[in-house]
Amino acid sequence: MAEPGDPQAPDDPDPDDVVGFASPASLQGRAREPEPDPERDLFSASVAATIPVEPEPGPEPGPAPSAPPDPPAAATPVAAASIFELSPELPARPRRREPPAIPGGGMGLYAVYALILFAVPTLGVSAIIGLLAVTGRAGPEDPLSQSHFIYQQRTLWTAAVAVAVGLIFFLVPFGFGPAIMFFAALWVVARGAAGVWALKAGRPIADPRGWWI
């Protein structure tokens, strides 16, 4: 039996050629391509024919495009009488309510209230000045100013009497002089603050001859 590659038997096929070692693909370093199998290709085609093919989902239909909005109408300019006058189309801005004017002269009443409020820091000096300002003269005629004027007179005269009584009790052992002076100071400041608040709001004193605030 001749050996493979024996020149004496040139008709025998070379095993290397059969395996593919000496094929052009093997010499180029490429893998050997398998030979097509007709029976296998026929079976794959029949199986693929029996499997239903689902259609790919398409894009979902969106809402119908709406019509573009109408362009806004151009505003008609309104002519003003001057550049410093507001246009009648602008809304009227509410003005801040001004306090009512005091017919009897509010500055004099405010000045007396200031002297009443500074009676404690000045140790009664401003109260004496206020007492001289409201004594010996006629008060205003309008009801609002007259109620404040009487209220100031009662406050200053009552404070003067309370201070005199307190000084007398200072001379008595274990007297109530300091307590009387303390409560009189608080009473004067409270009445002065209440009077200023009512005068600023334009309200008269409800009971100008009373003893309470």
N, C-alpha and C. Protein backbone atom coordinates (compact mmCIF):
# COMPACT_ATOMS: atom_id res chain seq x y z
N MET A 1 0.86 -1.21 0.00
CA MET A 1 0.00 0.00 0.00
C MET A 1 0.87 1.23 0.00
N ALA A 2 0.57 2.11 -0.87
CA ALA A 2 1.41 3.29 -1.00
C ALA A 2 1.13 4.26 0.12
N GLU A 3 2.13 4.94 0.60
CA GLU A 3 2.02 5.94 1.63
C GLU A 3 1.46 7.22 1.04
N PRO A 4 0.84 8.00 1.92
CA PRO A 4 0.35 9.27 1.40
C PRO A 4 1.47 10.14 0.91
N GLY A 5 1.22 10.72 -0.25
CA GLY A 5 2.25 11.56 -0.86
C GLY A 5 3.29 10.78 -1.60
N ASP A 6 3.06 9.46 -1.80
CA ASP A 6 4.04 8.64 -2.53
C ASP A 6 3.96 8.98 -3.99
N PRO A 7 5.05 9.29 -4.61
CA PRO A 7 5.00 9.62 -6.04
C PRO A 7 4.59 8.43 -6.89
N GLN A 8 4.67 7.21 -6.30
CA GLN A 8 4.27 6.05 -7.08
C GLN A 8 2.76 5.97 -7.21
N ALA A 9 2.03 6.61 -6.36
CA ALA A 9 0.56 6.59 -6.43
C ALA A 9 0.05 8.02 -6.52
N PRO A 10 0.18 8.65 -7.65
CA PRO A 10 -0.27 10.04 -7.77
C PRO A 10 -1.78 10.20 -7.76
N ASP A 11 -2.54 9.09 -8.08
CA ASP A 11 -3.99 9.23 -8.14
C ASP A 11 -4.63 9.26 -6.77
N ASP A 12 -3.93 8.83 -5.70
CA ASP A 12 -4.54 8.85 -4.36
C ASP A 12 -4.69 10.29 -3.89
N PRO A 13 -5.83 10.58 -3.29
CA PRO A 13 -6.01 11.97 -2.80
C PRO A 13 -5.12 12.26 -1.60
N ASP A 14 -4.70 13.44 -1.55
CA ASP A 14 -3.83 13.87 -0.45
C ASP A 14 -4.70 14.13 0.76
N PRO A 15 -4.44 13.52 1.94
CA PRO A 15 -5.26 13.77 3.14
C PRO A 15 -5.26 15.24 3.54
N ASP A 16 -4.15 15.94 3.34
CA ASP A 16 -4.12 17.35 3.71
C ASP A 16 -5.08 18.17 2.88
N ASP A 17 -5.21 17.78 1.61
CA ASP A 17 -6.16 18.49 0.78
C ASP A 17 -7.59 18.21 1.21
N VAL A 18 -7.83 16.94 1.69
CA VAL A 18 -9.18 16.61 2.12
C VAL A 18 -9.53 17.36 3.40
N VAL A 19 -8.63 17.36 4.37
CA VAL A 19 -8.89 18.03 5.64
C VAL A 19 -8.95 19.54 5.45
N GLY A 20 -8.12 20.07 4.59
CA GLY A 20 -8.13 21.51 4.35
C GLY A 20 -6.88 22.20 4.80
N PHE A 21 -5.87 21.41 5.24
CA PHE A 21 -4.63 22.06 5.68
C PHE A 21 -3.89 22.72 4.54
N ALA A 22 -4.04 22.16 3.38
CA ALA A 22 -3.31 22.70 2.23
C ALA A 22 -4.20 23.51 1.33
N SER A 23 -5.42 23.86 1.82
CA SER A 23 -6.32 24.66 0.99
C SER A 23 -5.84 26.11 0.96
N PRO A 24 -6.26 26.85 -0.04
CA PRO A 24 -5.85 28.26 -0.08
C PRO A 24 -6.32 29.06 1.12
N ALA A 25 -7.52 28.68 1.66
CA ALA A 25 -8.00 29.41 2.85
C ALA A 25 -7.12 29.16 4.05
N SER A 26 -6.65 27.89 4.21
CA SER A 26 -5.78 27.59 5.35
C SER A 26 -4.43 28.23 5.22
N LEU A 27 -3.95 28.32 3.98
CA LEU A 27 -2.67 28.99 3.79
C LEU A 27 -2.75 30.49 4.07
N GLN A 28 -3.93 31.11 3.88
CA GLN A 28 -4.12 32.53 4.18
C GLN A 28 -4.51 32.79 5.62
N GLY A 29 -4.68 31.73 6.44
CA GLY A 29 -5.04 31.90 7.84
C GLY A 29 -6.52 32.08 8.06
N ARG A 30 -7.40 31.76 7.08
CA ARG A 30 -8.83 31.89 7.22
C ARG A 30 -9.44 30.55 7.55
N ALA A 31 -10.58 30.60 8.30
CA ALA A 31 -11.25 29.34 8.65
C ALA A 31 -11.93 28.76 7.43
N ARG A 32 -12.08 27.50 7.47
CA ARG A 32 -12.70 26.79 6.34
C ARG A 32 -14.21 26.98 6.40
N GLU A 33 -14.76 27.40 5.28
CA GLU A 33 -16.20 27.61 5.21
C GLU A 33 -16.91 26.28 5.07
N PRO A 34 -17.96 26.07 5.90
CA PRO A 34 -18.68 24.79 5.78
C PRO A 34 -19.45 24.72 4.46
N GLU A 35 -19.55 23.51 3.99
CA GLU A 35 -20.28 23.29 2.74
C GLU A 35 -21.77 23.38 3.01
N PRO A 36 -22.54 23.92 2.06
CA PRO A 36 -23.99 24.03 2.28
C PRO A 36 -24.66 22.68 2.32
N ASP A 37 -25.63 22.57 3.26
CA ASP A 37 -26.39 21.32 3.40
C ASP A 37 -27.79 21.57 2.86
N PRO A 38 -28.16 20.99 1.76
CA PRO A 38 -29.48 21.26 1.17
C PRO A 38 -30.61 20.82 2.08
N GLU A 39 -30.47 19.64 2.75
CA GLU A 39 -31.56 19.16 3.61
C GLU A 39 -31.79 20.09 4.79
N ARG A 40 -30.71 20.62 5.40
CA ARG A 40 -30.85 21.52 6.55
C ARG A 40 -31.48 22.85 6.14
N ASP A 41 -31.07 23.38 4.97
CA ASP A 41 -31.65 24.63 4.49
C ASP A 41 -33.13 24.48 4.19
N LEU A 42 -33.52 23.35 3.68
CA LEU A 42 -34.93 23.12 3.38
C LEU A 42 -35.76 23.03 4.66
N PHE A 43 -35.20 22.39 5.71
CA PHE A 43 -35.92 22.29 6.98
C PHE A 43 -36.06 23.67 7.64
N SER A 44 -35.05 24.48 7.58
CA SER A 44 -35.12 25.83 8.19
C SER A 44 -36.12 26.70 7.46
N ALA A 45 -36.18 26.55 6.15
CA ALA A 45 -37.15 27.34 5.38
C ALA A 45 -38.57 26.94 5.70
N SER A 46 -38.83 25.62 5.90
CA SER A 46 -40.18 25.17 6.22
C SER A 46 -40.60 25.62 7.61
N VAL A 47 -39.68 25.59 8.58
CA VAL A 47 -40.01 26.05 9.93
C VAL A 47 -40.29 27.55 9.95
N ALA A 48 -39.49 28.32 9.22
CA ALA A 48 -39.70 29.76 9.18
C ALA A 48 -41.01 30.13 8.51
N ALA A 49 -41.47 29.25 7.58
CA ALA A 49 -42.74 29.53 6.90
C ALA A 49 -43.93 29.31 7.81
N THR A 50 -43.79 28.38 8.81
CA THR A 50 -44.90 28.10 9.71
C THR A 50 -45.04 29.12 10.83
N ILE A 51 -44.00 29.91 11.17
CA ILE A 51 -44.04 30.89 12.26
C ILE A 51 -44.63 32.19 11.73
N PRO A 52 -45.75 32.63 12.35
CA PRO A 52 -46.33 33.90 11.85
C PRO A 52 -45.45 35.09 12.22
N VAL A 53 -45.35 35.99 11.31
CA VAL A 53 -44.54 37.19 11.50
C VAL A 53 -45.47 38.34 11.86
N GLU A 54 -45.24 38.91 13.08
CA GLU A 54 -46.06 40.04 13.52
C GLU A 54 -45.53 41.34 12.93
N PRO A 55 -46.42 42.18 12.48
CA PRO A 55 -45.95 43.46 11.91
C PRO A 55 -45.39 44.36 13.01
N GLU A 56 -44.39 45.10 12.70
CA GLU A 56 -43.78 46.02 13.65
C GLU A 56 -44.76 47.16 13.96
N PRO A 57 -44.87 47.52 15.28
CA PRO A 57 -45.82 48.61 15.61
C PRO A 57 -45.33 49.94 15.07
N GLY A 58 -46.21 50.64 14.49
CA GLY A 58 -45.87 51.96 13.95
C GLY A 58 -46.08 53.06 14.99
N PRO A 59 -45.79 54.26 14.66
CA PRO A 59 -46.01 55.37 15.62
C PRO A 59 -47.49 55.59 15.89
N GLU A 60 -47.81 55.81 17.19
CA GLU A 60 -49.20 56.02 17.58
C GLU A 60 -49.71 57.34 17.02
N PRO A 61 -50.94 57.33 16.56
CA PRO A 61 -51.48 58.59 16.01
C PRO A 61 -51.69 59.62 17.12
N GLY A 62 -51.19 60.79 16.96
CA GLY A 62 -51.34 61.85 17.95
C GLY A 62 -52.59 62.66 17.72
N PRO A 63 -52.88 63.59 18.64
CA PRO A 63 -54.08 64.43 18.45
C PRO A 63 -53.95 65.33 17.24
N ALA A 64 -55.05 65.61 16.70
CA ALA A 64 -55.06 66.45 15.51
C ALA A 64 -54.58 67.85 15.87
N PRO A 65 -53.72 68.43 15.09
CA PRO A 65 -53.23 69.78 15.42
C PRO A 65 -54.36 70.79 15.43
N SER A 66 -54.37 71.59 16.51
CA SER A 66 -55.41 72.60 16.64
C SER A 66 -55.06 73.83 15.82
N ALA A 67 -56.08 74.58 15.54
CA ALA A 67 -55.87 75.78 14.74
C ALA A 67 -55.12 76.83 15.55
N PRO A 68 -54.22 77.55 14.98
CA PRO A 68 -53.47 78.59 15.74
C PRO A 68 -54.41 79.66 16.24
N PRO A 69 -54.15 80.18 17.47
CA PRO A 69 -55.04 81.23 18.02
C PRO A 69 -54.95 82.50 17.21
N ASP A 70 -56.03 83.23 17.31
CA ASP A 70 -56.08 84.50 16.59
C ASP A 70 -55.12 85.49 17.22
N PRO A 71 -54.44 86.27 16.45
CA PRO A 71 -53.52 87.27 17.03
C PRO A 71 -54.30 88.30 17.83
N PRO A 72 -53.73 88.76 18.97
CA PRO A 72 -54.44 89.77 19.79
C PRO A 72 -54.63 91.06 19.03
N ALA A 73 -55.76 91.65 19.32
CA ALA A 73 -56.07 92.92 18.64
C ALA A 73 -55.19 94.02 19.19
N ALA A 74 -54.77 94.86 18.35
CA ALA A 74 -53.90 95.97 18.75
C ALA A 74 -54.68 96.94 19.63
N ALA A 75 -54.05 97.36 20.76
CA ALA A 75 -54.70 98.29 21.68
C ALA A 75 -54.77 99.68 21.06
N THR A 76 -55.88 100.27 21.23
CA THR A 76 -56.07 101.61 20.68
C THR A 76 -55.52 102.64 21.66
N PRO A 77 -54.56 103.43 21.30
CA PRO A 77 -54.02 104.42 22.24
C PRO A 77 -55.05 105.46 22.59
N VAL A 78 -55.02 105.86 23.86
CA VAL A 78 -55.94 106.87 24.37
C VAL A 78 -55.15 108.14 24.59
N ALA A 79 -55.56 109.19 24.01
CA ALA A 79 -54.85 110.46 24.12
C ALA A 79 -55.19 111.12 25.45
N ALA A 80 -54.18 111.63 26.13
CA ALA A 80 -54.37 112.35 27.38
C ALA A 80 -54.24 113.85 27.13
N ALA A 81 -54.78 114.62 28.05
CA ALA A 81 -54.73 116.07 27.88
C ALA A 81 -53.31 116.58 27.97
N SER A 82 -52.50 115.97 28.84
CA SER A 82 -51.10 116.35 28.98
C SER A 82 -50.32 115.15 29.44
N ILE A 83 -49.01 115.28 29.46
CA ILE A 83 -48.17 114.16 29.89
C ILE A 83 -48.25 113.93 31.39
N PHE A 84 -48.73 114.91 32.13
CA PHE A 84 -48.83 114.78 33.57
C PHE A 84 -50.20 114.29 34.01
N GLU A 85 -51.12 114.08 33.11
CA GLU A 85 -52.46 113.62 33.44
C GLU A 85 -52.59 112.14 33.14
N LEU A 86 -53.17 111.38 34.05
CA LEU A 86 -53.34 109.96 33.87
C LEU A 86 -54.38 109.68 32.81
N SER A 87 -54.19 108.57 32.12
CA SER A 87 -55.14 108.16 31.10
C SER A 87 -56.44 107.70 31.77
N PRO A 88 -57.60 108.00 31.18
CA PRO A 88 -58.86 107.54 31.80
C PRO A 88 -59.02 106.04 31.80
N GLU A 89 -58.22 105.31 31.00
CA GLU A 89 -58.32 103.86 30.98
C GLU A 89 -57.68 103.22 32.21
N LEU A 90 -56.79 103.93 32.88
CA LEU A 90 -56.13 103.37 34.05
C LEU A 90 -57.10 103.36 35.22
N PRO A 91 -57.03 102.28 36.06
CA PRO A 91 -57.93 102.25 37.23
C PRO A 91 -57.52 103.28 38.25
N ALA A 92 -58.48 103.83 38.89
CA ALA A 92 -58.22 104.86 39.91
C ALA A 92 -57.65 104.20 41.16
N ARG A 93 -56.49 104.67 41.60
CA ARG A 93 -55.84 104.11 42.78
C ARG A 93 -56.42 104.76 44.04
N PRO A 94 -56.85 103.93 45.00
CA PRO A 94 -57.42 104.54 46.22
C PRO A 94 -56.37 105.31 46.99
N ARG A 95 -56.70 106.49 47.36
CA ARG A 95 -55.77 107.32 48.11
C ARG A 95 -55.86 107.01 49.60
N ARG A 96 -54.77 107.25 50.29
CA ARG A 96 -54.74 107.04 51.73
C ARG A 96 -55.61 108.09 52.42
N ARG A 97 -56.42 107.61 53.34
CA ARG A 97 -57.33 108.52 54.03
C ARG A 97 -56.56 109.42 54.98
N GLU A 98 -56.68 110.69 54.73
CA GLU A 98 -55.99 111.66 55.57
C GLU A 98 -56.79 111.89 56.85
N PRO A 99 -56.10 112.13 57.98
CA PRO A 99 -56.84 112.40 59.22
C PRO A 99 -57.57 113.73 59.11
N PRO A 100 -58.73 113.82 59.70
CA PRO A 100 -59.50 115.06 59.60
C PRO A 100 -58.78 116.21 60.31
N ALA A 101 -58.95 117.38 59.73
CA ALA A 101 -58.33 118.56 60.33
C ALA A 101 -59.08 118.96 61.59
N ILE A 102 -58.33 119.45 62.58
CA ILE A 102 -58.92 119.85 63.86
C ILE A 102 -59.19 121.35 63.78
N PRO A 103 -60.45 121.76 63.88
CA PRO A 103 -60.77 123.19 63.71
C PRO A 103 -60.12 124.08 64.74
N GLY A 104 -60.00 123.63 65.98
CA GLY A 104 -59.49 124.49 67.04
C GLY A 104 -57.98 124.63 67.06
N GLY A 105 -57.31 124.09 66.12
CA GLY A 105 -55.85 124.17 66.12
C GLY A 105 -55.24 122.95 66.76
N GLY A 106 -54.89 121.98 65.93
CA GLY A 106 -54.36 120.73 66.46
C GLY A 106 -52.96 120.84 67.04
N MET A 107 -52.17 121.81 66.55
CA MET A 107 -50.80 121.92 67.03
C MET A 107 -50.77 122.29 68.51
N GLY A 108 -51.67 123.17 68.96
CA GLY A 108 -51.70 123.52 70.37
C GLY A 108 -52.08 122.34 71.25
N LEU A 109 -53.03 121.54 70.81
CA LEU A 109 -53.41 120.35 71.58
C LEU A 109 -52.30 119.33 71.61
N TYR A 110 -51.64 119.14 70.46
CA TYR A 110 -50.51 118.20 70.44
C TYR A 110 -49.37 118.68 71.35
N ALA A 111 -49.15 119.97 71.40
CA ALA A 111 -48.07 120.51 72.25
C ALA A 111 -48.37 120.25 73.73
N VAL A 112 -49.63 120.42 74.14
CA VAL A 112 -49.98 120.17 75.54
C VAL A 112 -49.86 118.68 75.85
N TYR A 113 -50.25 117.83 74.92
CA TYR A 113 -50.09 116.39 75.15
C TYR A 113 -48.61 116.01 75.27
N ALA A 114 -47.76 116.68 74.50
CA ALA A 114 -46.31 116.41 74.61
C ALA A 114 -45.79 116.81 76.00
N LEU A 115 -46.27 117.94 76.53
CA LEU A 115 -45.86 118.35 77.87
C LEU A 115 -46.36 117.35 78.93
N ILE A 116 -47.54 116.78 78.70
CA ILE A 116 -48.04 115.78 79.66
C ILE A 116 -47.20 114.51 79.62
N LEU A 117 -46.82 114.08 78.44
CA LEU A 117 -46.04 112.84 78.32
C LEU A 117 -44.62 113.00 78.87
N PHE A 118 -44.07 114.22 78.81
CA PHE A 118 -42.71 114.44 79.32
C PHE A 118 -42.71 114.90 80.77
N ALA A 119 -43.83 114.75 81.44
CA ALA A 119 -43.89 115.18 82.85
C ALA A 119 -43.00 114.30 83.73
N VAL A 120 -42.99 113.00 83.48
CA VAL A 120 -42.17 112.10 84.31
C VAL A 120 -40.68 112.29 84.04
N PRO A 121 -40.21 112.30 82.76
CA PRO A 121 -38.76 112.49 82.56
C PRO A 121 -38.23 113.83 83.05
N THR A 122 -39.06 114.87 83.02
CA THR A 122 -38.62 116.19 83.47
C THR A 122 -38.96 116.46 84.94
N LEU A 123 -39.41 115.44 85.67
CA LEU A 123 -39.75 115.56 87.09
C LEU A 123 -40.83 116.61 87.34
N GLY A 124 -41.80 116.67 86.42
CA GLY A 124 -42.95 117.56 86.61
C GLY A 124 -42.79 118.94 86.04
N VAL A 125 -41.62 119.29 85.49
CA VAL A 125 -41.42 120.66 84.97
C VAL A 125 -42.31 120.90 83.75
N SER A 126 -42.35 119.95 82.82
CA SER A 126 -43.18 120.13 81.63
C SER A 126 -44.67 120.11 81.99
N ALA A 127 -45.04 119.39 83.05
CA ALA A 127 -46.44 119.39 83.48
C ALA A 127 -46.84 120.76 84.01
N ILE A 128 -45.94 121.43 84.71
CA ILE A 128 -46.25 122.78 85.20
C ILE A 128 -46.44 123.74 84.04
N ILE A 129 -45.58 123.60 82.99
CA ILE A 129 -45.72 124.45 81.80
C ILE A 129 -47.06 124.19 81.11
N GLY A 130 -47.43 122.92 81.00
CA GLY A 130 -48.71 122.58 80.39
C GLY A 130 -49.89 123.09 81.20
N LEU A 131 -49.77 123.04 82.53
CA LEU A 131 -50.85 123.54 83.38
C LEU A 131 -51.04 125.05 83.20
N LEU A 132 -49.94 125.77 83.07
CA LEU A 132 -50.05 127.21 82.81
C LEU A 132 -50.64 127.49 81.43
N ALA A 133 -50.41 126.57 80.46
CA ALA A 133 -50.91 126.80 79.10
C ALA A 133 -52.42 126.60 78.99
N VAL A 134 -52.99 125.76 79.82
CA VAL A 134 -54.43 125.47 79.71
C VAL A 134 -55.25 126.19 80.77
N THR A 135 -54.60 126.96 81.61
CA THR A 135 -55.32 127.65 82.69
C THR A 135 -55.45 129.13 82.35
N GLY A 136 -56.62 129.67 82.61
CA GLY A 136 -56.83 131.11 82.43
C GLY A 136 -57.16 131.51 81.02
N ARG A 137 -57.51 130.63 80.17
CA ARG A 137 -57.90 131.01 78.81
C ARG A 137 -59.07 130.14 78.36
N ALA A 138 -59.83 130.67 77.45
CA ALA A 138 -61.00 129.93 76.94
C ALA A 138 -60.54 128.86 75.95
N GLY A 139 -61.22 127.78 76.01
CA GLY A 139 -60.87 126.69 75.12
C GLY A 139 -61.49 126.85 73.73
N PRO A 140 -61.18 125.98 72.82
CA PRO A 140 -61.76 126.05 71.47
C PRO A 140 -63.27 125.81 71.50
N GLU A 141 -63.94 126.23 70.44
CA GLU A 141 -65.39 126.15 70.39
C GLU A 141 -65.91 124.85 69.78
N ASP A 142 -65.17 124.24 68.88
CA ASP A 142 -65.69 123.02 68.24
C ASP A 142 -65.69 121.88 69.25
N PRO A 143 -66.65 120.98 69.15
CA PRO A 143 -66.78 119.91 70.17
C PRO A 143 -65.56 119.01 70.27
N LEU A 144 -64.92 118.69 69.14
CA LEU A 144 -63.77 117.77 69.19
C LEU A 144 -62.61 118.39 69.97
N SER A 145 -62.22 119.60 69.60
CA SER A 145 -61.10 120.25 70.30
C SER A 145 -61.46 120.59 71.74
N GLN A 146 -62.72 120.98 72.00
CA GLN A 146 -63.11 121.32 73.36
C GLN A 146 -63.04 120.10 74.28
N SER A 147 -63.40 118.91 73.77
CA SER A 147 -63.32 117.71 74.61
C SER A 147 -61.86 117.40 74.97
N HIS A 148 -60.95 117.60 74.05
CA HIS A 148 -59.53 117.35 74.35
C HIS A 148 -58.98 118.42 75.29
N PHE A 149 -59.43 119.64 75.13
CA PHE A 149 -58.95 120.70 76.00
C PHE A 149 -59.38 120.46 77.45
N ILE A 150 -60.63 120.10 77.65
CA ILE A 150 -61.11 119.80 79.01
C ILE A 150 -60.40 118.58 79.57
N TYR A 151 -60.17 117.60 78.73
CA TYR A 151 -59.46 116.39 79.15
C TYR A 151 -58.04 116.72 79.63
N GLN A 152 -57.36 117.62 78.93
CA GLN A 152 -56.01 118.02 79.34
C GLN A 152 -56.04 118.80 80.65
N GLN A 153 -57.02 119.69 80.81
CA GLN A 153 -57.13 120.43 82.07
C GLN A 153 -57.34 119.49 83.26
N ARG A 154 -58.23 118.54 83.11
CA ARG A 154 -58.50 117.60 84.20
C ARG A 154 -57.28 116.76 84.52
N THR A 155 -56.56 116.38 83.48
CA THR A 155 -55.36 115.55 83.70
C THR A 155 -54.29 116.32 84.47
N LEU A 156 -54.00 117.54 84.06
CA LEU A 156 -52.93 118.30 84.69
C LEU A 156 -53.30 118.75 86.11
N TRP A 157 -54.53 119.17 86.33
CA TRP A 157 -54.92 119.59 87.68
C TRP A 157 -54.98 118.40 88.63
N THR A 158 -55.44 117.27 88.17
CA THR A 158 -55.47 116.08 89.03
C THR A 158 -54.07 115.63 89.36
N ALA A 159 -53.17 115.69 88.39
CA ALA A 159 -51.78 115.31 88.65
C ALA A 159 -51.14 116.27 89.66
N ALA A 160 -51.44 117.55 89.56
CA ALA A 160 -50.88 118.51 90.51
C ALA A 160 -51.37 118.24 91.93
N VAL A 161 -52.64 117.93 92.09
CA VAL A 161 -53.19 117.62 93.42
C VAL A 161 -52.58 116.32 93.96
N ALA A 162 -52.41 115.31 93.09
CA ALA A 162 -51.83 114.03 93.53
C ALA A 162 -50.39 114.22 93.99
N VAL A 163 -49.64 115.06 93.28
CA VAL A 163 -48.24 115.29 93.68
C VAL A 163 -48.20 116.03 95.03
N ALA A 164 -49.09 116.98 95.24
CA ALA A 164 -49.12 117.71 96.53
C ALA A 164 -49.46 116.76 97.67
N VAL A 165 -50.44 115.88 97.46
CA VAL A 165 -50.80 114.91 98.51
C VAL A 165 -49.65 113.94 98.75
N GLY A 166 -48.97 113.55 97.72
CA GLY A 166 -47.84 112.64 97.88
C GLY A 166 -46.70 113.27 98.67
N LEU A 167 -46.45 114.56 98.42
CA LEU A 167 -45.41 115.24 99.18
C LEU A 167 -45.78 115.36 100.65
N ILE A 168 -47.05 115.55 100.94
CA ILE A 168 -47.48 115.62 102.34
C ILE A 168 -47.28 114.27 103.02
N PHE A 169 -47.62 113.21 102.33
CA PHE A 169 -47.46 111.88 102.94
C PHE A 169 -46.00 111.46 103.04
N PHE A 170 -45.11 112.17 102.33
CA PHE A 170 -43.69 111.88 102.49
C PHE A 170 -43.22 112.27 103.89
N LEU A 171 -43.87 113.25 104.49
CA LEU A 171 -43.46 113.71 105.82
C LEU A 171 -43.98 112.83 106.93
N VAL A 172 -44.97 111.99 106.64
CA VAL A 172 -45.55 111.11 107.64
C VAL A 172 -44.76 109.81 107.65
N PRO A 173 -44.33 109.33 108.83
CA PRO A 173 -43.61 108.06 108.87
C PRO A 173 -44.50 106.91 108.37
N PHE A 174 -43.89 106.06 107.60
CA PHE A 174 -44.59 104.92 107.01
C PHE A 174 -45.82 105.37 106.21
N GLY A 175 -45.67 106.49 105.52
CA GLY A 175 -46.77 107.02 104.72
C GLY A 175 -46.83 106.38 103.34
N PHE A 176 -47.82 106.80 102.58
CA PHE A 176 -48.03 106.28 101.23
C PHE A 176 -47.58 107.28 100.17
N GLY A 177 -46.67 108.13 100.52
CA GLY A 177 -46.20 109.14 99.59
C GLY A 177 -45.58 108.56 98.32
N PRO A 178 -44.60 107.64 98.45
CA PRO A 178 -44.01 107.08 97.21
C PRO A 178 -45.02 106.35 96.34
N ALA A 179 -45.95 105.61 96.95
CA ALA A 179 -46.95 104.88 96.16
C ALA A 179 -47.88 105.85 95.43
N ILE A 180 -48.27 106.95 96.11
CA ILE A 180 -49.15 107.93 95.46
C ILE A 180 -48.44 108.60 94.28
N MET A 181 -47.18 108.93 94.46
CA MET A 181 -46.41 109.57 93.38
C MET A 181 -46.23 108.61 92.20
N PHE A 182 -46.01 107.33 92.47
CA PHE A 182 -45.80 106.35 91.40
C PHE A 182 -47.07 106.15 90.58
N PHE A 183 -48.20 105.95 91.25
CA PHE A 183 -49.45 105.74 90.52
C PHE A 183 -49.91 107.01 89.80
N ALA A 184 -49.61 108.16 90.36
CA ALA A 184 -49.95 109.41 89.68
C ALA A 184 -49.15 109.56 88.38
N ALA A 185 -47.87 109.18 88.42
CA ALA A 185 -47.04 109.26 87.20
C ALA A 185 -47.57 108.32 86.12
N LEU A 186 -47.91 107.07 86.49
CA LEU A 186 -48.47 106.14 85.51
C LEU A 186 -49.79 106.64 84.94
N TRP A 187 -50.62 107.20 85.79
CA TRP A 187 -51.94 107.70 85.35
C TRP A 187 -51.80 108.85 84.36
N VAL A 188 -50.85 109.75 84.62
CA VAL A 188 -50.65 110.89 83.72
C VAL A 188 -50.14 110.44 82.36
N VAL A 189 -49.17 109.52 82.34
CA VAL A 189 -48.61 109.05 81.06
C VAL A 189 -49.67 108.29 80.26
N ALA A 190 -50.47 107.46 80.94
CA ALA A 190 -51.50 106.69 80.24
C ALA A 190 -52.56 107.61 79.63
N ARG A 191 -52.99 108.63 80.37
CA ARG A 191 -53.99 109.55 79.83
C ARG A 191 -53.41 110.39 78.69
N GLY A 192 -52.16 110.76 78.79
CA GLY A 192 -51.55 111.52 77.69
C GLY A 192 -51.45 110.71 76.41
N ALA A 193 -51.04 109.43 76.54
CA ALA A 193 -50.95 108.58 75.35
C ALA A 193 -52.32 108.31 74.74
N ALA A 194 -53.33 108.08 75.57
CA ALA A 194 -54.68 107.86 75.06
C ALA A 194 -55.23 109.09 74.37
N GLY A 195 -54.94 110.27 74.91
CA GLY A 195 -55.41 111.50 74.27
C GLY A 195 -54.76 111.74 72.92
N VAL A 196 -53.46 111.50 72.81
CA VAL A 196 -52.78 111.66 71.51
C VAL A 196 -53.34 110.69 70.48
N TRP A 197 -53.59 109.45 70.88
CA TRP A 197 -54.14 108.45 69.95
C TRP A 197 -55.52 108.87 69.44
N ALA A 198 -56.37 109.37 70.33
CA ALA A 198 -57.70 109.81 69.91
C ALA A 198 -57.64 111.06 69.04
N LEU A 199 -56.74 111.98 69.37
CA LEU A 199 -56.62 113.20 68.58
C LEU A 199 -56.08 112.90 67.18
N LYS A 200 -55.14 111.99 67.07
CA LYS A 200 -54.60 111.63 65.76
C LYS A 200 -55.65 110.95 64.90
N ALA A 201 -56.54 110.16 65.50
CA ALA A 201 -57.61 109.49 64.76
C ALA A 201 -58.79 110.41 64.48
N GLY A 202 -58.78 111.63 65.04
CA GLY A 202 -59.88 112.55 64.82
C GLY A 202 -61.10 112.24 65.64
N ARG A 203 -60.92 111.60 66.78
CA ARG A 203 -62.06 111.26 67.64
C ARG A 203 -62.06 112.16 68.88
N PRO A 204 -63.21 112.59 69.34
CA PRO A 204 -63.26 113.36 70.59
C PRO A 204 -63.16 112.44 71.80
N ILE A 205 -62.88 113.01 72.94
CA ILE A 205 -62.84 112.26 74.17
C ILE A 205 -64.28 111.98 74.61
N ALA A 206 -64.59 110.71 74.85
CA ALA A 206 -65.98 110.34 75.19
C ALA A 206 -66.43 110.98 76.50
N ASP A 207 -65.57 110.95 77.52
CA ASP A 207 -65.92 111.53 78.83
C ASP A 207 -64.75 112.40 79.27
N PRO A 208 -64.65 113.62 78.80
CA PRO A 208 -63.48 114.45 79.13
C PRO A 208 -63.36 114.80 80.61
N ARG A 209 -64.47 114.77 81.36
CA ARG A 209 -64.42 115.11 82.80
C ARG A 209 -64.32 113.86 83.67
N GLY A 210 -64.15 112.71 83.06
CA GLY A 210 -64.02 111.49 83.85
C GLY A 210 -62.61 111.33 84.39
N TRP A 211 -62.50 110.31 85.26
CA TRP A 211 -61.21 110.06 85.89
C TRP A 211 -60.43 108.94 85.20
N TRP A 212 -61.07 108.23 84.33
CA TRP A 212 -60.40 107.10 83.70
C TRP A 212 -59.81 107.55 82.36
N ILE A 213 -59.12 106.63 81.71
CA ILE A 213 -58.45 106.96 80.44
C ILE A 213 -59.51 107.15 79.35
